[in-house]
Structure formats: structure tokens, C-alpha cells
Amino acid sequence: MKIALTLIAFLFSSHTFATIWITLSDPASGKIGVIGASSGYIGDYRTMVPVDNHGIAVVGSWYLGKKQDHLISVIRNPALTAHEATAEMSRLINLDSHKRRVSFVNARFENASVPGRGCHANNKYCGKYEDPHFTITGGGLVSENVILAARDVLADARTEKLPFECRLYLGMKAVFDAGGEYKTIERVALAVDDLSVNGDNKMLVWFRKGAEDSLLKQLSGRLSTRGLNCGEL
């Protein structure tokens, strides 16, 4: 398997689980990507399966283990639409668990999401928003307004003019600004694939420690080192 994506992850220890993922595609730039935030495991192949120039699948806070190999074969199958692929991946990882939400963006710039089957115990709000060019799927959120805030940013015409990575960043910033998860967010992960290039970047992973209010600052700083100064809307 050839993997050539950029992955930025800030990971911290945790004993609780609540997660939100955003998928995004942009035919104009030729890029697809995901950004996620969680109080549980995220990134580093724990909940993310990227396949260079084919697609990126993500699931809720749950360790994929060996089942990620099965997801790779689905991601690489060109006969499946994003919705068909997402349904098949949810079947393969047995989506009877509240933790196993599945979102997917493919190389045809299609986005799809399965939100899971309700919230676990008192895990607050769970839900999704699906658009042809992005999805927002989360569990353990403080309210529906978290998803709606991210939707408004990603659908804003001003956002569409920004660099692709900044659109993902600002979508997640809207999540944080709207209150995010009812548990403390301890991890943020970002992955972007330029579909016009084969093997464009070796996968890069960063592990950092810090408080919830420092995560986006760290990500913003990382993006700025690549000439991406996202600012505000």
C-alpha cells in the first residue's frame, strides 16, 4: 500500500471518548481531507485510514486494529460511490457500537457519513450534516449548534476562496467556538491528500501535549510554517 498524505496529529492521554470529524473535498484545488477532534483516540491509524489518491476514511473514537485492512480494500474499490463505500465500511466494523461512526471522502470528491446508532449513555448530542462537498459527524457534542456552526463556515462563499487546509482549520475552529464536546478535547488530527500528485508527501505525525485551548493555536502555527496563514472569516 502506498500512503502519501500529510497527517498532523496532536495526541494526549485520555480515558473518555467523544469525537467530531469533518471531511472536505475541493475539485478546484484537487484536494481531499479530514480534520477531527476528540477526547479519545484519534489519528495515527487509530481512527483514520488514508489511502493515497483513493480516499480517507475515519471512524468515531475506536481503535480499528486489523480491521483497517478491510477498509483499505473498500476505499480502493472504484466501483463504489462514497455512500456505498461508507455503508460497507460500517458493516465491516460492525456498526452496532455508538463509537463506530464512519465518514469518508473519496478521489471523486464525494463525501458520505454514517452517524452511528444514537449516543452512549449520557453522551449528549450525536448527529451529522452531509453536503456534496463536506460532512460533519460527531458524538458527545454540547448541542446541535456545534455541527451547524461548522456547516455555516464550510458553506460560506468566503471560506471557499481560502486555501484548502484553512477551510478545514476554520471548520474545526467553529466547532471549538460553539462549545465543541462536553468532555475536554485532547486531540486534533488533520490529513490532506493532493490528488494531482502521487507520493506528494511522506506521512508526517506529530505528538504534542497541551490544553484544549492550545490545540488550534498549535495547528495554526504548524500551518503557518507551510505558508498557510488562515486568519479569521
C-alpha atoms as a PDB file:
ATOM      1  CA  MET A   1       0.000   0.000   0.000  1.00  0.00           C
ATOM      2  CA  LYS A   2       1.261   3.440  -0.927  1.00  0.00           C
ATOM      3  CA  ILE A   3       0.442   6.234   1.510  1.00  0.00           C
ATOM      4  CA  ALA A   4       1.271   9.804   0.569  1.00  0.00           C
ATOM      5  CA  LEU A   5      -0.698  12.216   2.659  1.00  0.00           C
ATOM      6  CA  THR A   6       0.004  14.908   5.182  1.00  0.00           C
ATOM      7  CA  LEU A   7      -1.152  13.977   8.659  1.00  0.00           C
ATOM      8  CA  ILE A   8      -0.909  16.373  11.564  1.00  0.00           C
ATOM      9  CA  ALA A   9      -1.955  14.986  14.940  1.00  0.00           C
ATOM     10  CA  PHE A  10      -1.754  16.326  18.480  1.00  0.00           C
ATOM     11  CA  LEU A  11      -2.261  13.417  20.874  1.00  0.00           C
ATOM     12  CA  PHE A  12      -2.691  13.245  24.642  1.00  0.00           C
ATOM     13  CA  SER A  13      -3.655  10.642  27.234  1.00  0.00           C
ATOM     14  CA  SER A  14      -7.359  10.156  27.873  1.00  0.00           C
ATOM     15  CA  HIS A  15      -9.861   7.797  29.472  1.00  0.00           C
ATOM     16  CA  THR A  16     -13.015   9.221  27.842  1.00  0.00           C
ATOM     17  CA  PHE A  17     -14.363   9.299  24.312  1.00  0.00           C
ATOM     18  CA  ALA A  18     -16.174  11.956  22.301  1.00  0.00           C
ATOM     19  CA  THR A  19     -15.280  12.782  18.711  1.00  0.00           C
ATOM     20  CA  ILE A  20     -16.187  15.017  15.788  1.00  0.00           C
ATOM     21  CA  TRP A  21     -14.902  14.601  12.223  1.00  0.00           C
ATOM     22  CA  ILE A  22     -15.133  16.896   9.211  1.00  0.00           C
ATOM     23  CA  THR A  23     -14.485  15.602   5.695  1.00  0.00           C
ATOM     24  CA  LEU A  24     -13.957  18.013   2.810  1.00  0.00           C
ATOM     25  CA  SER A  25     -13.336  17.836  -0.931  1.00  0.00           C
ATOM     26  CA  ASP A  26     -12.441  20.539  -3.431  1.00  0.00           C
ATOM     27  CA  PRO A  27     -12.293  19.754  -7.162  1.00  0.00           C
ATOM     28  CA  ALA A  28     -10.823  23.216  -7.869  1.00  0.00           C
ATOM     29  CA  SER A  29      -7.689  22.530  -5.804  1.00  0.00           C
ATOM     30  CA  GLY A  30      -7.732  18.792  -6.423  1.00  0.00           C
ATOM     31  CA  LYS A  31      -7.577  18.044  -2.700  1.00  0.00           C
ATOM     32  CA  ILE A  32      -9.492  15.930  -0.227  1.00  0.00           C
ATOM     33  CA  GLY A  33      -9.029  15.990   3.518  1.00  0.00           C
ATOM     34  CA  VAL A  34     -10.315  15.398   7.023  1.00  0.00           C
ATOM     35  CA  ILE A  35      -9.958  17.104  10.369  1.00  0.00           C
ATOM     36  CA  GLY A  36     -11.035  15.657  13.685  1.00  0.00           C
ATOM     37  CA  ALA A  37     -11.097  16.481  17.377  1.00  0.00           C
ATOM     38  CA  SER A  38     -11.571  14.072  20.223  1.00  0.00           C
ATOM     39  CA  SER A  39     -11.286  13.402  23.918  1.00  0.00           C
ATOM     40  CA  GLY A  40     -10.351   9.840  22.932  1.00  0.00           C
ATOM     41  CA  TYR A  41      -8.118   8.114  20.406  1.00  0.00           C
ATOM     42  CA  ILE A  42      -7.720   9.831  17.055  1.00  0.00           C
ATOM     43  CA  GLY A  43      -5.182   9.826  14.230  1.00  0.00           C
ATOM     44  CA  ASP A  44      -2.089   7.617  13.989  1.00  0.00           C
ATOM     45  CA  TYR A  45      -4.231   4.905  12.326  1.00  0.00           C
ATOM     46  CA  ARG A  46      -6.349   4.528  15.434  1.00  0.00           C
ATOM     47  CA  THR A  47      -9.438   6.015  13.816  1.00  0.00           C
ATOM     48  CA  MET A  48      -8.143   7.190  10.421  1.00  0.00           C
ATOM     49  CA  VAL A  49      -7.486   5.149   7.271  1.00  0.00           C
ATOM     50  CA  PRO A  50      -5.922   7.224   4.465  1.00  0.00           C
ATOM     51  CA  VAL A  51      -5.090   5.636   1.093  1.00  0.00           C
ATOM     52  CA  ASP A  52      -3.107   7.865  -1.251  1.00  0.00           C
ATOM     53  CA  ASN A  53      -5.130   9.182  -4.191  1.00  0.00           C
ATOM     54  CA  HIS A  54      -8.103   6.973  -3.305  1.00  0.00           C
ATOM     55  CA  GLY A  55      -9.707   8.407  -0.197  1.00  0.00           C
ATOM     56  CA  ILE A  56      -9.667   8.874   3.563  1.00  0.00           C
ATOM     57  CA  ALA A  57     -11.997   7.066   5.971  1.00  0.00           C
ATOM     58  CA  VAL A  58     -12.443   7.999   9.619  1.00  0.00           C
ATOM     59  CA  VAL A  59     -14.450   6.455  12.443  1.00  0.00           C
ATOM     60  CA  GLY A  60     -15.505   7.555  15.905  1.00  0.00           C
ATOM     61  CA  SER A  61     -13.216   7.062  18.891  1.00  0.00           C
ATOM     62  CA  TRP A  62     -12.443   3.407  18.471  1.00  0.00           C
ATOM     63  CA  TYR A  63      -9.262   1.518  17.744  1.00  0.00           C
ATOM     64  CA  LEU A  64      -9.508  -0.072  14.297  1.00  0.00           C
ATOM     65  CA  GLY A  65      -6.821  -2.693  14.745  1.00  0.00           C
ATOM     66  CA  LYS A  66      -6.621  -5.303  11.982  1.00  0.00           C
ATOM     67  CA  LYS A  67      -9.985  -4.304  10.533  1.00  0.00           C
ATOM     68  CA  GLN A  68      -8.380  -1.302   8.865  1.00  0.00           C
ATOM     69  CA  ASP A  69      -7.036  -3.728   6.216  1.00  0.00           C
ATOM     70  CA  HIS A  70     -10.622  -4.495   5.220  1.00  0.00           C
ATOM     71  CA  LEU A  71     -11.440  -0.808   4.993  1.00  0.00           C
ATOM     72  CA  ILE A  72      -8.471  -0.227   2.673  1.00  0.00           C
ATOM     73  CA  SER A  73      -9.894  -2.645   0.110  1.00  0.00           C
ATOM     74  CA  VAL A  74     -13.207  -0.777   0.192  1.00  0.00           C
ATOM     75  CA  ILE A  75     -11.506   2.615  -0.163  1.00  0.00           C
ATOM     76  CA  ARG A  76      -9.561   1.360  -3.189  1.00  0.00           C
ATOM     77  CA  ASN A  77     -12.674  -0.003  -4.936  1.00  0.00           C
ATOM     78  CA  PRO A  78     -13.537   2.470  -7.751  1.00  0.00           C
ATOM     79  CA  ALA A  79     -16.907   0.845  -8.384  1.00  0.00           C
ATOM     80  CA  LEU A  80     -18.333   2.092  -5.086  1.00  0.00           C
ATOM     81  CA  THR A  81     -19.799   5.532  -4.522  1.00  0.00           C
ATOM     82  CA  ALA A  82     -18.892   7.261  -1.276  1.00  0.00           C
ATOM     83  CA  HIS A  83     -22.244   6.289   0.239  1.00  0.00           C
ATOM     84  CA  GLU A  84     -21.870   2.664  -0.844  1.00  0.00           C
ATOM     85  CA  ALA A  85     -18.315   2.539   0.485  1.00  0.00           C
ATOM     86  CA  THR A  86     -19.312   4.095   3.807  1.00  0.00           C
ATOM     87  CA  ALA A  87     -22.164   1.615   4.230  1.00  0.00           C
ATOM     88  CA  GLU A  88     -19.809  -1.282   3.504  1.00  0.00           C
ATOM     89  CA  MET A  89     -17.156   0.013   5.911  1.00  0.00           C
ATOM     90  CA  SER A  90     -19.743   0.423   8.674  1.00  0.00           C
ATOM     91  CA  ARG A  91     -20.804  -3.188   8.078  1.00  0.00           C
ATOM     92  CA  LEU A  92     -17.215  -4.432   8.211  1.00  0.00           C
ATOM     93  CA  ILE A  93     -16.524  -2.801  11.555  1.00  0.00           C
ATOM     94  CA  ASN A  94     -19.902  -3.843  12.963  1.00  0.00           C
ATOM     95  CA  LEU A  95     -21.689  -0.551  13.473  1.00  0.00           C
ATOM     96  CA  ASP A  96     -23.738  -1.772  16.427  1.00  0.00           C
ATOM     97  CA  SER A  97     -21.487   0.324  18.665  1.00  0.00           C
ATOM     98  CA  HIS A  98     -22.217   4.007  19.290  1.00  0.00           C
ATOM     99  CA  LYS A  99     -18.495   4.664  18.899  1.00  0.00           C
ATOM    100  CA  ARG A 100     -18.262   3.443  15.322  1.00  0.00           C
ATOM    101  CA  ARG A 101     -19.406   6.397  13.293  1.00  0.00           C
ATOM    102  CA  VAL A 102     -17.914   6.318   9.787  1.00  0.00           C
ATOM    103  CA  SER A 103     -17.154   9.227   7.430  1.00  0.00           C
ATOM    104  CA  PHE A 104     -15.458   9.025   4.057  1.00  0.00           C
ATOM    105  CA  VAL A 105     -14.194  11.278   1.268  1.00  0.00           C
ATOM    106  CA  ASN A 106     -13.046   9.678  -1.981  1.00  0.00           C
ATOM    107  CA  ALA A 107     -10.985  10.602  -5.012  1.00  0.00           C
ATOM    108  CA  ARG A 108     -14.137  11.553  -6.934  1.00  0.00           C
ATOM    109  CA  PHE A 109     -14.619  14.332  -4.363  1.00  0.00           C
ATOM    110  CA  GLU A 110     -17.657  12.568  -2.900  1.00  0.00           C
ATOM    111  CA  ASN A 111     -18.387  12.747   0.835  1.00  0.00           C
ATOM    112  CA  ALA A 112     -20.564  10.468   2.931  1.00  0.00           C
ATOM    113  CA  SER A 113     -21.160   9.677   6.585  1.00  0.00           C
ATOM    114  CA  VAL A 114     -22.918   7.164   8.828  1.00  0.00           C
ATOM    115  CA  PRO A 115     -23.564   8.837  12.196  1.00  0.00           C
ATOM    116  CA  GLY A 116     -23.847   5.696  14.323  1.00  0.00           C
ATOM    117  CA  ARG A 117     -26.854   4.435  16.236  1.00  0.00           C
ATOM    118  CA  GLY A 118     -27.507   7.021  18.869  1.00  0.00           C
ATOM    119  CA  CYS A 119     -25.465   8.272  21.782  1.00  0.00           C
ATOM    120  CA  HIS A 120     -23.995   6.108  24.510  1.00  0.00           C
ATOM    121  CA  ALA A 121     -25.456   6.588  27.980  1.00  0.00           C
ATOM    122  CA  ASN A 122     -25.323  10.337  28.731  1.00  0.00           C
ATOM    123  CA  ASN A 123     -23.004  11.136  25.831  1.00  0.00           C
ATOM    124  CA  LYS A 124     -25.016  14.260  24.956  1.00  0.00           C
ATOM    125  CA  TYR A 125     -25.711  15.200  21.343  1.00  0.00           C
ATOM    126  CA  CYS A 126     -24.755  12.957  18.399  1.00  0.00           C
ATOM    127  CA  GLY A 127     -25.526  13.721  14.786  1.00  0.00           C
ATOM    128  CA  LYS A 128     -24.305  14.685  11.346  1.00  0.00           C
ATOM    129  CA  TYR A 129     -24.640  17.133   8.472  1.00  0.00           C
ATOM    130  CA  GLU A 130     -23.971  15.977   4.937  1.00  0.00           C
ATOM    131  CA  ASP A 131     -23.248  18.154   1.901  1.00  0.00           C
ATOM    132  CA  PRO A 132     -21.929  17.027  -1.518  1.00  0.00           C
ATOM    133  CA  HIS A 133     -18.545  18.584  -0.676  1.00  0.00           C
ATOM    134  CA  PHE A 134     -18.290  18.045   3.083  1.00  0.00           C
ATOM    135  CA  THR A 135     -19.639  16.128   6.052  1.00  0.00           C
ATOM    136  CA  ILE A 136     -19.659  16.902   9.769  1.00  0.00           C
ATOM    137  CA  THR A 137     -20.246  13.951  12.082  1.00  0.00           C
ATOM    138  CA  GLY A 138     -19.915  13.928  15.839  1.00  0.00           C
ATOM    139  CA  GLY A 139     -20.805  12.410  19.164  1.00  0.00           C
ATOM    140  CA  GLY A 140     -20.636  13.761  22.694  1.00  0.00           C
ATOM    141  CA  LEU A 141     -21.224  17.315  21.485  1.00  0.00           C
ATOM    142  CA  VAL A 142     -22.719  20.024  23.691  1.00  0.00           C
ATOM    143  CA  SER A 143     -25.564  20.591  21.214  1.00  0.00           C
ATOM    144  CA  GLU A 144     -26.629  20.507  17.575  1.00  0.00           C
ATOM    145  CA  ASN A 145     -25.286  24.058  17.264  1.00  0.00           C
ATOM    146  CA  VAL A 146     -21.746  22.668  17.109  1.00  0.00           C
ATOM    147  CA  ILE A 147     -22.442  20.919  13.806  1.00  0.00           C
ATOM    148  CA  LEU A 148     -24.479  23.839  12.489  1.00  0.00           C
ATOM    149  CA  ALA A 149     -21.676  26.315  13.272  1.00  0.00           C
ATOM    150  CA  ALA A 150     -19.171  24.248  11.302  1.00  0.00           C
ATOM    151  CA  ARG A 151     -21.692  23.891   8.477  1.00  0.00           C
ATOM    152  CA  ASP A 152     -22.155  27.650   8.236  1.00  0.00           C
ATOM    153  CA  VAL A 153     -18.400  28.213   7.960  1.00  0.00           C
ATOM    154  CA  LEU A 154     -17.787  25.494   5.383  1.00  0.00           C
ATOM    155  CA  ALA A 155     -20.744  26.640   3.267  1.00  0.00           C
ATOM    156  CA  ASP A 156     -19.722  30.302   3.400  1.00  0.00           C
ATOM    157  CA  ALA A 157     -18.657  31.621  -0.005  1.00  0.00           C
ATOM    158  CA  ARG A 158     -15.750  33.452   1.637  1.00  0.00           C
ATOM    159  CA  THR A 159     -14.404  30.174   3.006  1.00  0.00           C
ATOM    160  CA  GLU A 160     -14.363  28.636  -0.462  1.00  0.00           C
ATOM    161  CA  LYS A 161     -11.777  31.194  -1.567  1.00  0.00           C
ATOM    162  CA  LEU A 162      -9.315  30.191   1.147  1.00  0.00           C
ATOM    163  CA  PRO A 163      -6.577  27.536   0.916  1.00  0.00           C
ATOM    164  CA  PHE A 164      -7.986  24.051   1.363  1.00  0.00           C
ATOM    165  CA  GLU A 165      -6.201  23.400   4.658  1.00  0.00           C
ATOM    166  CA  CYS A 166      -7.515  26.674   6.068  1.00  0.00           C
ATOM    167  CA  ARG A 167     -11.070  25.649   5.270  1.00  0.00           C
ATOM    168  CA  LEU A 168     -10.621  22.524   7.381  1.00  0.00           C
ATOM    169  CA  TYR A 169      -8.986  24.541  10.141  1.00  0.00           C
ATOM    170  CA  LEU A 170     -11.745  27.160  10.225  1.00  0.00           C
ATOM    171  CA  GLY A 171     -14.428  24.466  10.194  1.00  0.00           C
ATOM    172  CA  MET A 172     -12.888  22.953  13.315  1.00  0.00           C
ATOM    173  CA  LYS A 173     -12.409  26.382  14.883  1.00  0.00           C
ATOM    174  CA  ALA A 174     -16.165  26.891  14.524  1.00  0.00           C
ATOM    175  CA  VAL A 175     -16.655  23.599  16.378  1.00  0.00           C
ATOM    176  CA  PHE A 176     -14.482  24.827  19.251  1.00  0.00           C
ATOM    177  CA  ASP A 177     -16.117  28.270  19.302  1.00  0.00           C
ATOM    178  CA  ALA A 178     -19.581  26.686  19.518  1.00  0.00           C
ATOM    179  CA  GLY A 179     -18.611  24.699  22.601  1.00  0.00           C
ATOM    180  CA  GLY A 180     -17.334  21.511  20.975  1.00  0.00           C
ATOM    181  CA  GLU A 181     -17.615  18.382  23.083  1.00  0.00           C
ATOM    182  CA  TYR A 182     -18.963  18.184  26.604  1.00  0.00           C
ATOM    183  CA  LYS A 183     -15.744  16.375  27.534  1.00  0.00           C
ATOM    184  CA  THR A 184     -12.337  18.015  27.253  1.00  0.00           C
ATOM    185  CA  ILE A 185     -10.897  17.825  23.736  1.00  0.00           C
ATOM    186  CA  GLU A 186      -7.395  16.413  23.959  1.00  0.00           C
ATOM    187  CA  ARG A 187      -6.520  15.609  20.339  1.00  0.00           C
ATOM    188  CA  VAL A 188      -6.777  17.192  16.924  1.00  0.00           C
ATOM    189  CA  ALA A 189      -5.822  15.439  13.676  1.00  0.00           C
ATOM    190  CA  LEU A 190      -5.627  16.783  10.120  1.00  0.00           C
ATOM    191  CA  ALA A 191      -4.968  14.834   6.905  1.00  0.00           C
ATOM    192  CA  VAL A 192      -4.885  16.269   3.365  1.00  0.00           C
ATOM    193  CA  ASP A 193      -4.268  14.480   0.061  1.00  0.00           C
ATOM    194  CA  ASP A 194      -3.425  16.300  -3.182  1.00  0.00           C
ATOM    195  CA  LEU A 195      -4.936  14.021  -5.813  1.00  0.00           C
ATOM    196  CA  SER A 196      -2.898  15.565  -8.623  1.00  0.00           C
ATOM    197  CA  VAL A 197       0.341  14.184  -7.184  1.00  0.00           C
ATOM    198  CA  ASN A 198       1.449  10.632  -6.482  1.00  0.00           C
ATOM    199  CA  GLY A 199       3.584  10.244  -3.392  1.00  0.00           C
ATOM    200  CA  ASP A 200       3.474  14.001  -2.771  1.00  0.00           C
ATOM    201  CA  ASN A 201       4.371  13.816   0.936  1.00  0.00           C
ATOM    202  CA  LYS A 202       5.612  11.203   3.319  1.00  0.00           C
ATOM    203  CA  MET A 203       3.078  10.839   6.097  1.00  0.00           C
ATOM    204  CA  LEU A 204       4.090  13.070   8.991  1.00  0.00           C
ATOM    205  CA  VAL A 205       2.829  12.640  12.553  1.00  0.00           C
ATOM    206  CA  TRP A 206       3.391  14.994  15.468  1.00  0.00           C
ATOM    207  CA  PHE A 207       2.631  14.142  19.092  1.00  0.00           C
ATOM    208  CA  ARG A 208       2.113  17.100  21.395  1.00  0.00           C
ATOM    209  CA  LYS A 209       0.887  17.783  24.924  1.00  0.00           C
ATOM    210  CA  GLY A 210      -1.308  20.724  25.820  1.00  0.00           C
ATOM    211  CA  ALA A 211      -4.666  22.013  26.958  1.00  0.00           C
ATOM    212  CA  GLU A 212      -7.792  22.144  24.806  1.00  0.00           C
ATOM    213  CA  ASP A 213      -7.439  25.879  24.248  1.00  0.00           C
ATOM    214  CA  SER A 214      -3.926  25.404  22.830  1.00  0.00           C
ATOM    215  CA  LEU A 215      -4.695  22.766  20.202  1.00  0.00           C
ATOM    216  CA  LEU A 216      -5.887  25.056  17.414  1.00  0.00           C
ATOM    217  CA  LYS A 217      -3.102  27.513  18.172  1.00  0.00           C
ATOM    218  CA  GLN A 218      -0.611  24.695  17.652  1.00  0.00           C
ATOM    219  CA  LEU A 219      -2.299  23.644  14.435  1.00  0.00           C
ATOM    220  CA  SER A 220      -2.425  27.236  13.188  1.00  0.00           C
ATOM    221  CA  GLY A 221       1.263  27.564  13.935  1.00  0.00           C
ATOM    222  CA  ARG A 222       2.031  24.384  12.058  1.00  0.00           C
ATOM    223  CA  LEU A 223       0.085  25.552   9.021  1.00  0.00           C
ATOM    224  CA  SER A 224       1.810  28.930   9.085  1.00  0.00           C
ATOM    225  CA  THR A 225       5.192  27.201   8.733  1.00  0.00           C
ATOM    226  CA  ARG A 226       3.877  25.976   5.386  1.00  0.00           C
ATOM    227  CA  GLY A 227       2.863  29.448   4.294  1.00  0.00           C
ATOM    228  CA  LEU A 228      -0.784  28.991   5.256  1.00  0.00           C
ATOM    229  CA  ASN A 229      -1.985  31.871   7.428  1.00  0.00           C
ATOM    230  CA  CYS A 230      -5.648  31.109   7.860  1.00  0.00           C
ATOM    231  CA  GLY A 231      -6.776  34.059   9.999  1.00  0.00           C
ATOM    232  CA  GLU A 232     -10.494  34.589  10.502  1.00  0.00           C
ATOM    233  CA  LEU A 233     -13.540  34.810   8.255  1.00  0.00           C
END
